[in-house]
Amino acid sequence: PDVVDKMATRSGHCDVRLKTLAIPKSLPAGFLEDRRSIYWENNLPPKDYTKTTTFVLNARQEQLVHSKKLHPEYQGDRPSPVWSVSVAARKANASNRVAQLAQAKQLPPDYQPCRQVMTAIPSSAICVRPSGHLSRLARHKTYPPLLVKPNSEWDWGEWNTDISRTAKIAVASPRVSSLAEPKKAHQLYLPCQRVQWPVSRGSLSHMASERLSKLARAKSRSRELEDYDPRTWSVSRGALLAQATPRLSELATPLPRKCRTK
């Protein structure tokens, strides 16, 4: 009987808890439903294709619809391009300041107008005689004729050399000989490896070790299951019961500007 009473009491508490959890959450004060379209309602409005959509404008839209008014002191264009000038304005004399402003702007003293397309050559320039240096500069460049030796007039490769006998038997000095030597490679320089590498006979007859054979073998499904450790991602009991420090809790708190109430 005691067990039955306990089970009945526990079931009663469960029913009360379920009813409490089934109550919908109440909306906060001032909540505005975010409804972007009237077609979100369950009952769609009837479609009447004989009428157009009736638009309703608010006060601000009504204000923006009106055209911009002209300024109270605005004066429109003159009715005619011919202005009526009074008699007093016709007989008026301009002051010194007005006369000064009415003068055309003077060109700067160093101003030079654009040159004409056809340049006018004065008669003195036409009759002038050039100097000797000018005549030499006006002549076109002349090149010496190609040297043709009398002993071979057909092929320049058959000509005798013009190098003197002394230059042929000359001996270079030690300094010139040292400069003529090619630059030696660095002592640690290694030339490029050939495309085909020669494999030694010992390497061809070498037997791989057990460790090397194990690493060279492809990983099979059975070995993956053998290497699988179910405790890899398990969290220890000490980590589950750990409490974060105040500093860690402060760093884990989101920024206020990124928090919003739902």
C-alpha atoms as a PDB file:
ATOM      1  CA  PRO A   1       0.000   0.000   0.000  1.00  0.00           C
ATOM      2  CA  ASP A   2       2.836   2.405   0.757  1.00  0.00           C
ATOM      3  CA  VAL A   3       4.409   1.777  -2.647  1.00  0.00           C
ATOM      4  CA  VAL A   4       1.073   2.362  -4.387  1.00  0.00           C
ATOM      5  CA  ASP A   5       0.551   5.623  -2.491  1.00  0.00           C
ATOM      6  CA  LYS A   6       4.030   6.797  -3.412  1.00  0.00           C
ATOM      7  CA  MET A   7       3.483   6.016  -7.092  1.00  0.00           C
ATOM      8  CA  ALA A   8       0.151   7.803  -7.064  1.00  0.00           C
ATOM      9  CA  THR A   9       1.706  10.838  -5.404  1.00  0.00           C
ATOM     10  CA  ARG A  10       4.551  10.844  -7.895  1.00  0.00           C
ATOM     11  CA  SER A  11       2.160  10.579 -10.853  1.00  0.00           C
ATOM     12  CA  GLY A  12       0.152  13.458  -9.458  1.00  0.00           C
ATOM     13  CA  HIS A  13       3.261  15.628  -9.222  1.00  0.00           C
ATOM     14  CA  CYS A  14       4.149  14.678 -12.825  1.00  0.00           C
ATOM     15  CA  ASP A  15       0.708  15.716 -14.067  1.00  0.00           C
ATOM     16  CA  VAL A  16       0.996  19.071 -12.312  1.00  0.00           C
ATOM     17  CA  ARG A  17       4.488  19.580 -13.762  1.00  0.00           C
ATOM     18  CA  LEU A  18       3.339  18.708 -17.287  1.00  0.00           C
ATOM     19  CA  LYS A  19       0.416  21.103 -17.036  1.00  0.00           C
ATOM     20  CA  THR A  20       2.777  23.824 -15.826  1.00  0.00           C
ATOM     21  CA  LEU A  21       5.138  23.243 -18.747  1.00  0.00           C
ATOM     22  CA  ALA A  22       2.224  23.171 -21.222  1.00  0.00           C
ATOM     23  CA  ILE A  23       1.206  26.726 -20.370  1.00  0.00           C
ATOM     24  CA  PRO A  24       2.370  29.001 -23.255  1.00  0.00           C
ATOM     25  CA  LYS A  25       4.807  31.736 -22.517  1.00  0.00           C
ATOM     26  CA  SER A  26       3.106  35.102 -21.987  1.00  0.00           C
ATOM     27  CA  LEU A  27       4.034  37.985 -24.220  1.00  0.00           C
ATOM     28  CA  PRO A  28       5.878  40.911 -22.646  1.00  0.00           C
ATOM     29  CA  ALA A  29       4.198  44.278 -22.186  1.00  0.00           C
ATOM     30  CA  GLY A  30       4.378  46.480 -25.252  1.00  0.00           C
ATOM     31  CA  PHE A  31       4.955  43.574 -27.675  1.00  0.00           C
ATOM     32  CA  LEU A  32       4.267  44.432 -31.321  1.00  0.00           C
ATOM     33  CA  GLU A  33       3.741  41.605 -33.733  1.00  0.00           C
ATOM     34  CA  ASP A  34       6.151  41.713 -36.673  1.00  0.00           C
ATOM     35  CA  ARG A  35       3.706  41.326 -39.549  1.00  0.00           C
ATOM     36  CA  ARG A  36       5.220  42.416 -42.850  1.00  0.00           C
ATOM     37  CA  SER A  37       2.253  41.472 -45.053  1.00  0.00           C
ATOM     38  CA  ILE A  38      -1.493  41.118 -44.744  1.00  0.00           C
ATOM     39  CA  TYR A  39      -1.289  37.769 -46.510  1.00  0.00           C
ATOM     40  CA  TRP A  40       0.178  36.192 -43.381  1.00  0.00           C
ATOM     41  CA  GLU A  41      -3.321  35.910 -41.971  1.00  0.00           C
ATOM     42  CA  ASN A  42      -5.073  32.588 -42.046  1.00  0.00           C
ATOM     43  CA  ASN A  43      -8.087  33.957 -43.942  1.00  0.00           C
ATOM     44  CA  LEU A  44      -6.933  35.397 -47.273  1.00  0.00           C
ATOM     45  CA  PRO A  45      -8.798  38.491 -48.489  1.00  0.00           C
ATOM     46  CA  PRO A  46     -11.239  37.905 -51.348  1.00  0.00           C
ATOM     47  CA  LYS A  47      -9.916  38.698 -54.807  1.00  0.00           C
ATOM     48  CA  ASP A  48     -11.928  41.300 -56.691  1.00  0.00           C
ATOM     49  CA  TYR A  49     -10.394  41.971 -60.101  1.00  0.00           C
ATOM     50  CA  THR A  50     -12.955  44.672 -60.981  1.00  0.00           C
ATOM     51  CA  LYS A  51     -11.419  47.216 -58.600  1.00  0.00           C
ATOM     52  CA  THR A  52      -7.961  48.594 -58.107  1.00  0.00           C
ATOM     53  CA  THR A  53      -6.018  48.566 -54.867  1.00  0.00           C
ATOM     54  CA  THR A  54      -6.970  51.384 -52.537  1.00  0.00           C
ATOM     55  CA  PHE A  55      -3.919  52.985 -50.983  1.00  0.00           C
ATOM     56  CA  VAL A  56      -4.016  54.704 -47.612  1.00  0.00           C
ATOM     57  CA  LEU A  57      -1.396  57.393 -46.954  1.00  0.00           C
ATOM     58  CA  ASN A  58      -0.323  58.668 -43.608  1.00  0.00           C
ATOM     59  CA  ALA A  59       0.134  62.346 -42.740  1.00  0.00           C
ATOM     60  CA  ARG A  60       3.848  62.338 -43.677  1.00  0.00           C
ATOM     61  CA  GLN A  61       3.183  60.785 -47.074  1.00  0.00           C
ATOM     62  CA  GLU A  62       0.427  63.300 -47.719  1.00  0.00           C
ATOM     63  CA  GLN A  63       2.935  66.061 -46.946  1.00  0.00           C
ATOM     64  CA  LEU A  64       5.552  64.612 -49.310  1.00  0.00           C
ATOM     65  CA  VAL A  65       3.048  64.267 -52.153  1.00  0.00           C
ATOM     66  CA  HIS A  66       2.486  68.020 -52.453  1.00  0.00           C
ATOM     67  CA  SER A  67       4.752  69.885 -54.846  1.00  0.00           C
ATOM     68  CA  LYS A  68       7.362  72.251 -53.502  1.00  0.00           C
ATOM     69  CA  LYS A  69       6.079  75.779 -53.072  1.00  0.00           C
ATOM     70  CA  LEU A  70       7.979  78.768 -54.420  1.00  0.00           C
ATOM     71  CA  HIS A  71       9.642  81.240 -52.142  1.00  0.00           C
ATOM     72  CA  PRO A  72       7.437  84.193 -51.173  1.00  0.00           C
ATOM     73  CA  GLU A  73       9.989  86.655 -52.620  1.00  0.00           C
ATOM     74  CA  TYR A  74      10.529  84.677 -55.834  1.00  0.00           C
ATOM     75  CA  GLN A  75      10.287  86.696 -59.040  1.00  0.00           C
ATOM     76  CA  GLY A  76       9.783  84.871 -62.302  1.00  0.00           C
ATOM     77  CA  ASP A  77      11.562  85.510 -65.570  1.00  0.00           C
ATOM     78  CA  ARG A  78      11.029  88.824 -67.313  1.00  0.00           C
ATOM     79  CA  PRO A  79       8.150  88.759 -69.800  1.00  0.00           C
ATOM     80  CA  SER A  80      10.351  90.121 -72.603  1.00  0.00           C
ATOM     81  CA  PRO A  81      14.087  90.236 -73.377  1.00  0.00           C
ATOM     82  CA  VAL A  82      13.721  93.960 -74.113  1.00  0.00           C
ATOM     83  CA  TRP A  83      14.149  95.849 -70.874  1.00  0.00           C
ATOM     84  CA  SER A  84      12.672  99.280 -70.463  1.00  0.00           C
ATOM     85  CA  VAL A  85      15.418 101.721 -69.531  1.00  0.00           C
ATOM     86  CA  SER A  86      14.422 104.898 -67.760  1.00  0.00           C
ATOM     87  CA  VAL A  87      15.405 108.348 -69.024  1.00  0.00           C
ATOM     88  CA  ALA A  88      17.504 109.032 -65.906  1.00  0.00           C
ATOM     89  CA  ALA A  89      19.511 105.836 -66.508  1.00  0.00           C
ATOM     90  CA  ARG A  90      20.176 106.915 -70.100  1.00  0.00           C
ATOM     91  CA  LYS A  91      21.574 110.291 -69.030  1.00  0.00           C
ATOM     92  CA  ALA A  92      23.575 108.977 -66.047  1.00  0.00           C
ATOM     93  CA  ASN A  93      27.371 109.308 -66.012  1.00  0.00           C
ATOM     94  CA  ALA A  94      29.503 106.421 -64.842  1.00  0.00           C
ATOM     95  CA  SER A  95      31.701 106.951 -61.835  1.00  0.00           C
ATOM     96  CA  ASN A  96      35.472 106.491 -61.888  1.00  0.00           C
ATOM     97  CA  ARG A  97      35.171 103.046 -60.241  1.00  0.00           C
ATOM     98  CA  VAL A  98      32.577 101.872 -62.759  1.00  0.00           C
ATOM     99  CA  ALA A  99      34.711 103.180 -65.640  1.00  0.00           C
ATOM    100  CA  GLN A 100      37.727 101.346 -64.215  1.00  0.00           C
ATOM    101  CA  LEU A 101      35.774  98.090 -63.932  1.00  0.00           C
ATOM    102  CA  ALA A 102      34.441  98.505 -67.476  1.00  0.00           C
ATOM    103  CA  GLN A 103      37.922  98.445 -68.984  1.00  0.00           C
ATOM    104  CA  ALA A 104      39.013  95.236 -70.644  1.00  0.00           C
ATOM    105  CA  LYS A 105      41.557  93.077 -68.852  1.00  0.00           C
ATOM    106  CA  GLN A 106      45.087  93.801 -70.006  1.00  0.00           C
ATOM    107  CA  LEU A 107      47.350  90.998 -71.155  1.00  0.00           C
ATOM    108  CA  PRO A 108      50.521  90.315 -69.148  1.00  0.00           C
ATOM    109  CA  PRO A 109      53.703  91.941 -70.510  1.00  0.00           C
ATOM    110  CA  ASP A 110      55.303  88.528 -71.321  1.00  0.00           C
ATOM    111  CA  TYR A 111      52.279  87.212 -73.205  1.00  0.00           C
ATOM    112  CA  GLN A 112      52.975  85.868 -76.684  1.00  0.00           C
ATOM    113  CA  PRO A 113      50.105  84.999 -79.006  1.00  0.00           C
ATOM    114  CA  CYS A 114      49.908  81.693 -80.870  1.00  0.00           C
ATOM    115  CA  ARG A 115      52.130  81.442 -83.916  1.00  0.00           C
ATOM    116  CA  GLN A 116      50.545  81.241 -87.337  1.00  0.00           C
ATOM    117  CA  VAL A 117      50.519  78.030 -89.308  1.00  0.00           C
ATOM    118  CA  MET A 118      52.596  79.599 -92.101  1.00  0.00           C
ATOM    119  CA  THR A 119      55.677  81.247 -90.661  1.00  0.00           C
ATOM    120  CA  ALA A 120      56.689  84.466 -92.352  1.00  0.00           C
ATOM    121  CA  ILE A 121      60.433  84.365 -93.104  1.00  0.00           C
ATOM    122  CA  PRO A 122      62.071  87.768 -93.263  1.00  0.00           C
ATOM    123  CA  SER A 123      64.170  88.698 -96.286  1.00  0.00           C
ATOM    124  CA  SER A 124      67.334  88.970 -94.157  1.00  0.00           C
ATOM    125  CA  ALA A 125      67.009  85.312 -93.157  1.00  0.00           C
ATOM    126  CA  ILE A 126      66.523  84.313 -96.792  1.00  0.00           C
ATOM    127  CA  CYS A 127      69.701  86.091 -97.961  1.00  0.00           C
ATOM    128  CA  VAL A 128      71.942  85.020 -95.075  1.00  0.00           C
ATOM    129  CA  ARG A 129      74.924  82.749 -95.757  1.00  0.00           C
ATOM    130  CA  PRO A 130      75.632  79.860 -93.325  1.00  0.00           C
ATOM    131  CA  SER A 131      78.923  79.685 -91.476  1.00  0.00           C
ATOM    132  CA  GLY A 132      81.507  76.946 -92.038  1.00  0.00           C
ATOM    133  CA  HIS A 133      80.534  75.037 -88.880  1.00  0.00           C
ATOM    134  CA  LEU A 134      76.858  75.177 -89.844  1.00  0.00           C
ATOM    135  CA  SER A 135      77.700  73.808 -93.293  1.00  0.00           C
ATOM    136  CA  ARG A 136      79.637  70.907 -91.727  1.00  0.00           C
ATOM    137  CA  LEU A 137      76.731  70.086 -89.437  1.00  0.00           C
ATOM    138  CA  ALA A 138      74.312  70.166 -92.367  1.00  0.00           C
ATOM    139  CA  ARG A 139      76.239  67.522 -94.331  1.00  0.00           C
ATOM    140  CA  HIS A 140      75.030  63.923 -93.995  1.00  0.00           C
ATOM    141  CA  LYS A 141      77.199  61.394 -92.216  1.00  0.00           C
ATOM    142  CA  THR A 142      79.715  59.599 -94.421  1.00  0.00           C
ATOM    143  CA  TYR A 143      81.013  56.096 -93.782  1.00  0.00           C
ATOM    144  CA  PRO A 144      84.484  54.821 -94.821  1.00  0.00           C
ATOM    145  CA  PRO A 145      84.487  52.210 -97.575  1.00  0.00           C
ATOM    146  CA  LEU A 146      84.751  48.544 -96.649  1.00  0.00           C
ATOM    147  CA  LEU A 147      88.335  47.423 -96.481  1.00  0.00           C
ATOM    148  CA  VAL A 148      89.114  44.850 -99.151  1.00  0.00           C
ATOM    149  CA  LYS A 149      92.561  43.316 -99.072  1.00  0.00           C
ATOM    150  CA  PRO A 150      94.220  42.672-102.381  1.00  0.00           C
ATOM    151  CA  ASN A 151      95.184  39.037-101.599  1.00  0.00           C
ATOM    152  CA  SER A 152      91.515  38.015-101.141  1.00  0.00           C
ATOM    153  CA  GLU A 153      88.724  40.009-102.761  1.00  0.00           C
ATOM    154  CA  TRP A 154      85.903  37.498-102.265  1.00  0.00           C
ATOM    155  CA  ASP A 155      85.672  36.257 -98.680  1.00  0.00           C
ATOM    156  CA  TRP A 156      86.650  38.312 -95.662  1.00  0.00           C
ATOM    157  CA  GLY A 157      87.410  35.101 -93.722  1.00  0.00           C
ATOM    158  CA  GLU A 158      90.419  34.500 -95.943  1.00  0.00           C
ATOM    159  CA  TRP A 159      92.126  37.779 -95.077  1.00  0.00           C
ATOM    160  CA  ASN A 160      95.448  37.714 -93.271  1.00  0.00           C
ATOM    161  CA  THR A 161      95.309  38.901 -89.705  1.00  0.00           C
ATOM    162  CA  ASP A 162      96.494  42.380 -88.766  1.00  0.00           C
ATOM    163  CA  ILE A 163      97.779  41.325 -85.334  1.00  0.00           C
ATOM    164  CA  SER A 164     101.496  42.068 -84.981  1.00  0.00           C
ATOM    165  CA  ARG A 165     104.057  39.318 -84.335  1.00  0.00           C
ATOM    166  CA  THR A 166     104.980  40.864 -80.997  1.00  0.00           C
ATOM    167  CA  ALA A 167     101.384  40.589 -79.800  1.00  0.00           C
ATOM    168  CA  LYS A 168     101.272  36.956 -80.872  1.00  0.00           C
ATOM    169  CA  ILE A 169     104.317  35.944 -78.816  1.00  0.00           C
ATOM    170  CA  ALA A 170     103.485  38.126 -75.813  1.00  0.00           C
ATOM    171  CA  VAL A 171     103.203  36.426 -72.408  1.00  0.00           C
ATOM    172  CA  ALA A 172     100.474  37.445 -69.968  1.00  0.00           C
ATOM    173  CA  SER A 173     101.493  38.751 -66.589  1.00  0.00           C
ATOM    174  CA  PRO A 174     100.621  36.797 -63.398  1.00  0.00           C
ATOM    175  CA  ARG A 175      97.855  39.286 -62.597  1.00  0.00           C
ATOM    176  CA  VAL A 176      96.217  38.870 -66.021  1.00  0.00           C
ATOM    177  CA  SER A 177      96.521  35.091 -65.688  1.00  0.00           C
ATOM    178  CA  SER A 178      94.831  35.148 -62.265  1.00  0.00           C
ATOM    179  CA  LEU A 179      92.021  37.301 -63.650  1.00  0.00           C
ATOM    180  CA  ALA A 180      91.573  34.968 -66.618  1.00  0.00           C
ATOM    181  CA  GLU A 181      90.965  31.944 -64.421  1.00  0.00           C
ATOM    182  CA  PRO A 182      87.286  30.931 -64.186  1.00  0.00           C
ATOM    183  CA  LYS A 183      85.516  31.379 -60.876  1.00  0.00           C
ATOM    184  CA  LYS A 184      85.569  28.209 -58.798  1.00  0.00           C
ATOM    185  CA  ALA A 185      82.433  26.744 -57.287  1.00  0.00           C
ATOM    186  CA  HIS A 186      81.861  26.810 -53.541  1.00  0.00           C
ATOM    187  CA  GLN A 187      83.341  23.952 -51.572  1.00  0.00           C
ATOM    188  CA  LEU A 188      79.851  22.921 -50.368  1.00  0.00           C
ATOM    189  CA  TYR A 189      78.274  23.225 -53.828  1.00  0.00           C
ATOM    190  CA  LEU A 190      76.360  20.159 -55.000  1.00  0.00           C
ATOM    191  CA  PRO A 191      75.510  19.781 -58.688  1.00  0.00           C
ATOM    192  CA  CYS A 192      71.992  19.009 -59.867  1.00  0.00           C
ATOM    193  CA  GLN A 193      70.859  15.419 -59.392  1.00  0.00           C
ATOM    194  CA  ARG A 194      70.391  13.402 -62.528  1.00  0.00           C
ATOM    195  CA  VAL A 195      66.892  12.409 -63.624  1.00  0.00           C
ATOM    196  CA  GLN A 196      67.709   8.720 -63.381  1.00  0.00           C
ATOM    197  CA  TRP A 197      69.285   7.874 -60.036  1.00  0.00           C
ATOM    198  CA  PRO A 198      71.651   4.919 -60.027  1.00  0.00           C
ATOM    199  CA  VAL A 199      70.562   2.416 -57.379  1.00  0.00           C
ATOM    200  CA  SER A 200      73.337   0.433 -55.779  1.00  0.00           C
ATOM    201  CA  ARG A 201      73.349  -3.355 -55.796  1.00  0.00           C
ATOM    202  CA  GLY A 202      73.198  -3.424 -51.999  1.00  0.00           C
ATOM    203  CA  SER A 203      70.000  -1.328 -52.006  1.00  0.00           C
ATOM    204  CA  LEU A 204      68.389  -3.644 -54.561  1.00  0.00           C
ATOM    205  CA  SER A 205      69.056  -6.735 -52.408  1.00  0.00           C
ATOM    206  CA  HIS A 206      68.229  -5.029 -49.084  1.00  0.00           C
ATOM    207  CA  MET A 207      65.470  -6.498 -46.927  1.00  0.00           C
ATOM    208  CA  ALA A 208      63.079  -4.060 -45.238  1.00  0.00           C
ATOM    209  CA  SER A 209      62.752  -4.231 -41.466  1.00  0.00           C
ATOM    210  CA  GLU A 210      59.530  -5.175 -39.690  1.00  0.00           C
ATOM    211  CA  ARG A 211      58.866  -1.560 -38.684  1.00  0.00           C
ATOM    212  CA  LEU A 212      59.393  -0.304 -42.238  1.00  0.00           C
ATOM    213  CA  SER A 213      57.095  -3.019 -43.626  1.00  0.00           C
ATOM    214  CA  LYS A 214      54.424  -2.016 -41.107  1.00  0.00           C
ATOM    215  CA  LEU A 215      54.629   1.662 -42.105  1.00  0.00           C
ATOM    216  CA  ALA A 216      54.582   0.816 -45.834  1.00  0.00           C
ATOM    217  CA  ARG A 217      51.414  -1.280 -45.526  1.00  0.00           C
ATOM    218  CA  ALA A 218      48.113   0.519 -46.345  1.00  0.00           C
ATOM    219  CA  LYS A 219      45.773   1.059 -43.440  1.00  0.00           C
ATOM    220  CA  SER A 220      42.837  -1.371 -43.574  1.00  0.00           C
ATOM    221  CA  ARG A 221      39.389  -1.123 -42.066  1.00  0.00           C
ATOM    222  CA  SER A 222      40.132  -3.780 -39.500  1.00  0.00           C
ATOM    223  CA  ARG A 223      43.218  -1.889 -38.312  1.00  0.00           C
ATOM    224  CA  GLU A 224      41.153   1.265 -37.985  1.00  0.00           C
ATOM    225  CA  LEU A 225      38.802  -0.592 -35.673  1.00  0.00           C
ATOM    226  CA  GLU A 226      41.729  -1.983 -33.747  1.00  0.00           C
ATOM    227  CA  ASP A 227      43.246   1.486 -33.278  1.00  0.00           C
ATOM    228  CA  TYR A 228      39.892   3.009 -32.296  1.00  0.00           C
ATOM    229  CA  ASP A 229      39.820   4.166 -28.697  1.00  0.00           C
ATOM    230  CA  PRO A 230      36.299   4.966 -27.411  1.00  0.00           C
ATOM    231  CA  ARG A 231      37.762   6.939 -24.506  1.00  0.00           C
ATOM    232  CA  THR A 232      39.418   9.453 -26.802  1.00  0.00           C
ATOM    233  CA  TRP A 233      36.634  12.052 -26.535  1.00  0.00           C
ATOM    234  CA  SER A 234      35.382  11.087 -23.094  1.00  0.00           C
ATOM    235  CA  VAL A 235      35.331  13.841 -20.496  1.00  0.00           C
ATOM    236  CA  SER A 236      36.675  13.000 -17.080  1.00  0.00           C
ATOM    237  CA  ARG A 237      34.514  13.310 -13.983  1.00  0.00           C
ATOM    238  CA  GLY A 238      36.780  15.985 -12.580  1.00  0.00           C
ATOM    239  CA  ALA A 239      36.261  18.115 -15.697  1.00  0.00           C
ATOM    240  CA  LEU A 240      32.475  17.650 -15.459  1.00  0.00           C
ATOM    241  CA  LEU A 241      32.418  18.864 -11.849  1.00  0.00           C
ATOM    242  CA  ALA A 242      34.859  21.738 -12.401  1.00  0.00           C
ATOM    243  CA  GLN A 243      33.692  25.286 -11.633  1.00  0.00           C
ATOM    244  CA  ALA A 244      34.743  28.202 -13.843  1.00  0.00           C
ATOM    245  CA  THR A 245      36.662  31.004 -12.184  1.00  0.00           C
ATOM    246  CA  PRO A 246      35.073  34.490 -11.953  1.00  0.00           C
ATOM    247  CA  ARG A 247      37.471  35.767 -14.618  1.00  0.00           C
ATOM    248  CA  LEU A 248      36.549  32.931 -16.971  1.00  0.00           C
ATOM    249  CA  SER A 249      32.854  33.580 -16.419  1.00  0.00           C
ATOM    250  CA  GLU A 250      33.405  37.272 -17.158  1.00  0.00           C
ATOM    251  CA  LEU A 251      35.169  36.453 -20.426  1.00  0.00           C
ATOM    252  CA  ALA A 252      32.423  33.993 -21.418  1.00  0.00           C
ATOM    253  CA  THR A 253      29.656  36.569 -20.960  1.00  0.00           C
ATOM    254  CA  PRO A 254      28.515  37.952 -24.370  1.00  0.00           C
ATOM    255  CA  LEU A 255      28.715  41.659 -25.088  1.00  0.00           C
ATOM    256  CA  PRO A 256      25.636  43.687 -24.086  1.00  0.00           C
ATOM    257  CA  ARG A 257      25.233  45.086 -27.602  1.00  0.00           C
ATOM    258  CA  LYS A 258      24.962  41.550 -28.967  1.00  0.00           C
ATOM    259  CA  CYS A 259      22.291  40.499 -26.493  1.00  0.00           C
ATOM    260  CA  ARG A 260      18.652  41.010 -27.292  1.00  0.00           C
ATOM    261  CA  THR A 261      15.485  39.869 -25.567  1.00  0.00           C
ATOM    262  CA  LYS A 262      13.246  37.429 -27.401  1.00  0.00           C
END
